[in-house]
N, C-alpha and C. Protein backbone atom coordinates (compact mmCIF):
# COMPACT_ATOMS: atom_id res chain seq x y z
N TYR A 1 6.47 7.53 25.16
CA TYR A 1 7.13 8.59 24.43
C TYR A 1 6.09 9.47 23.74
N ILE A 2 6.37 10.74 23.69
CA ILE A 2 5.52 11.69 22.98
C ILE A 2 6.35 12.31 21.88
N LEU A 3 5.80 12.31 20.69
CA LEU A 3 6.50 12.87 19.54
C LEU A 3 5.72 14.08 19.05
N TYR A 4 6.37 15.21 19.00
CA TYR A 4 5.74 16.42 18.50
C TYR A 4 6.16 16.63 17.06
N LEU A 5 5.17 16.85 16.20
CA LEU A 5 5.44 17.10 14.79
C LEU A 5 5.24 18.59 14.51
N THR A 6 6.10 19.16 13.70
CA THR A 6 5.97 20.58 13.39
C THR A 6 4.73 20.83 12.55
N VAL A 7 4.25 22.04 12.62
CA VAL A 7 3.03 22.41 11.91
C VAL A 7 3.23 22.27 10.40
N HIS A 8 2.23 21.76 9.72
CA HIS A 8 2.20 21.61 8.26
C HIS A 8 3.28 20.68 7.71
N SER A 9 3.82 19.82 8.53
CA SER A 9 4.81 18.87 8.02
C SER A 9 4.51 17.44 8.45
N SER A 10 3.37 17.22 9.05
CA SER A 10 3.05 15.87 9.55
C SER A 10 2.93 14.86 8.42
N HIS A 11 2.53 15.30 7.23
CA HIS A 11 2.40 14.37 6.11
C HIS A 11 3.76 13.80 5.69
N VAL A 12 4.83 14.52 5.94
CA VAL A 12 6.17 14.05 5.60
C VAL A 12 6.75 13.19 6.71
N LEU A 13 6.41 13.52 7.92
CA LEU A 13 7.05 12.90 9.07
C LEU A 13 6.24 11.80 9.74
N GLN A 14 5.13 11.41 9.19
CA GLN A 14 4.30 10.40 9.85
C GLN A 14 5.06 9.09 9.95
N PRO A 15 5.42 8.69 11.14
CA PRO A 15 6.28 7.51 11.32
C PRO A 15 5.68 6.21 10.79
N LEU A 16 4.42 5.95 11.04
CA LEU A 16 3.84 4.69 10.59
C LEU A 16 3.74 4.61 9.08
N ASP A 17 3.41 5.73 8.45
CA ASP A 17 3.28 5.71 6.99
C ASP A 17 4.62 5.50 6.32
N GLN A 18 5.66 6.09 6.85
CA GLN A 18 6.98 5.96 6.25
C GLN A 18 7.61 4.61 6.54
N GLY A 19 7.46 4.11 7.75
CA GLY A 19 8.19 2.90 8.14
C GLY A 19 7.43 1.61 7.97
N MET A 20 6.11 1.64 8.13
CA MET A 20 5.36 0.40 8.17
C MET A 20 4.41 0.22 6.99
N PHE A 21 3.64 1.24 6.68
CA PHE A 21 2.61 1.08 5.65
C PHE A 21 3.12 1.31 4.24
N PHE A 22 4.15 2.12 4.06
CA PHE A 22 4.66 2.39 2.72
C PHE A 22 5.15 1.13 2.02
N PRO A 23 5.95 0.28 2.67
CA PRO A 23 6.38 -0.96 2.00
C PRO A 23 5.20 -1.88 1.67
N LEU A 24 4.21 -1.95 2.56
CA LEU A 24 3.03 -2.77 2.29
C LEU A 24 2.26 -2.24 1.10
N LYS A 25 2.05 -0.91 1.05
CA LYS A 25 1.33 -0.32 -0.08
C LYS A 25 2.07 -0.54 -1.39
N SER A 26 3.39 -0.41 -1.35
CA SER A 26 4.19 -0.61 -2.57
C SER A 26 4.07 -2.04 -3.09
N CYS A 27 4.19 -3.01 -2.20
CA CYS A 27 4.07 -4.42 -2.60
C CYS A 27 2.67 -4.73 -3.09
N TYR A 28 1.67 -4.17 -2.41
CA TYR A 28 0.28 -4.40 -2.80
C TYR A 28 0.02 -3.87 -4.21
N TRP A 29 0.44 -2.63 -4.49
CA TRP A 29 0.19 -2.06 -5.81
C TRP A 29 0.97 -2.79 -6.91
N LYS A 30 2.14 -3.33 -6.57
CA LYS A 30 2.88 -4.12 -7.55
C LYS A 30 2.12 -5.40 -7.87
N GLU A 31 1.57 -6.06 -6.84
CA GLU A 31 0.78 -7.28 -7.06
C GLU A 31 -0.45 -6.98 -7.91
N ILE A 32 -1.13 -5.88 -7.63
CA ILE A 32 -2.32 -5.51 -8.40
C ILE A 32 -1.94 -5.24 -9.85
N ALA A 33 -0.85 -4.51 -10.06
CA ALA A 33 -0.42 -4.21 -11.43
C ALA A 33 -0.07 -5.49 -12.18
N ASP A 34 0.59 -6.44 -11.50
CA ASP A 34 0.92 -7.71 -12.14
C ASP A 34 -0.34 -8.51 -12.49
N LEU A 35 -1.32 -8.53 -11.58
CA LEU A 35 -2.56 -9.26 -11.86
C LEU A 35 -3.31 -8.66 -13.04
N VAL A 36 -3.39 -7.34 -13.07
CA VAL A 36 -4.10 -6.68 -14.16
C VAL A 36 -3.38 -6.93 -15.48
N TYR A 37 -2.06 -6.90 -15.46
CA TYR A 37 -1.29 -7.14 -16.68
C TYR A 37 -1.44 -8.58 -17.15
N LEU A 38 -1.34 -9.54 -16.23
CA LEU A 38 -1.41 -10.95 -16.61
C LEU A 38 -2.81 -11.37 -17.06
N ASP A 39 -3.82 -10.87 -16.37
CA ASP A 39 -5.20 -11.26 -16.69
C ASP A 39 -5.86 -10.34 -17.69
N ASN A 40 -5.19 -9.25 -18.05
CA ASN A 40 -5.76 -8.26 -18.94
C ASN A 40 -7.12 -7.81 -18.42
N ALA A 41 -7.17 -7.61 -17.11
CA ALA A 41 -8.43 -7.31 -16.43
C ALA A 41 -8.51 -5.83 -16.08
N ILE A 42 -9.73 -5.33 -16.15
CA ILE A 42 -9.97 -3.96 -15.71
C ILE A 42 -10.53 -3.99 -14.29
N LEU A 43 -11.44 -4.90 -14.03
CA LEU A 43 -12.02 -5.04 -12.70
C LEU A 43 -11.31 -6.13 -11.94
N LEU A 44 -11.11 -5.91 -10.68
CA LEU A 44 -10.46 -6.88 -9.82
C LEU A 44 -11.51 -7.46 -8.88
N LYS A 45 -11.75 -8.76 -9.00
CA LYS A 45 -12.76 -9.40 -8.17
C LYS A 45 -12.24 -9.59 -6.75
N LYS A 46 -13.17 -9.81 -5.82
CA LYS A 46 -12.84 -9.88 -4.40
C LYS A 46 -11.81 -10.97 -4.10
N GLY A 47 -11.93 -12.12 -4.71
CA GLY A 47 -10.99 -13.20 -4.46
C GLY A 47 -9.57 -12.85 -4.88
N ARG A 48 -9.44 -12.18 -6.01
CA ARG A 48 -8.12 -11.75 -6.49
C ARG A 48 -7.54 -10.67 -5.58
N PHE A 49 -8.41 -9.79 -5.09
CA PHE A 49 -7.98 -8.74 -4.18
C PHE A 49 -7.38 -9.34 -2.91
N ILE A 50 -8.06 -10.32 -2.34
CA ILE A 50 -7.59 -10.96 -1.11
C ILE A 50 -6.27 -11.69 -1.36
N THR A 51 -6.16 -12.36 -2.49
CA THR A 51 -4.92 -13.04 -2.84
C THR A 51 -3.77 -12.05 -2.97
N ALA A 52 -4.01 -10.95 -3.67
CA ALA A 52 -2.96 -9.95 -3.86
C ALA A 52 -2.55 -9.32 -2.53
N TYR A 53 -3.51 -9.05 -1.67
CA TYR A 53 -3.21 -8.43 -0.39
C TYR A 53 -2.42 -9.37 0.51
N SER A 54 -2.79 -10.65 0.51
CA SER A 54 -2.06 -11.59 1.36
C SER A 54 -0.65 -11.85 0.82
N THR A 55 -0.47 -11.80 -0.50
CA THR A 55 0.86 -11.95 -1.09
C THR A 55 1.75 -10.77 -0.73
N ALA A 56 1.17 -9.58 -0.77
CA ALA A 56 1.94 -8.36 -0.42
C ALA A 56 2.32 -8.41 1.05
């Protein structure tokens, strides 16, 4: 299948961003916000990042 997107509207109509990545990004940012709130942390270490990403 070929999908043609109209000029200057691809940012609104991008199928993968709307259907697949948006829910992942939303869950990820919620996990990060919860970790920062619970740990009162400004910096997020690599281990916490991986945990938050896998939870999302």
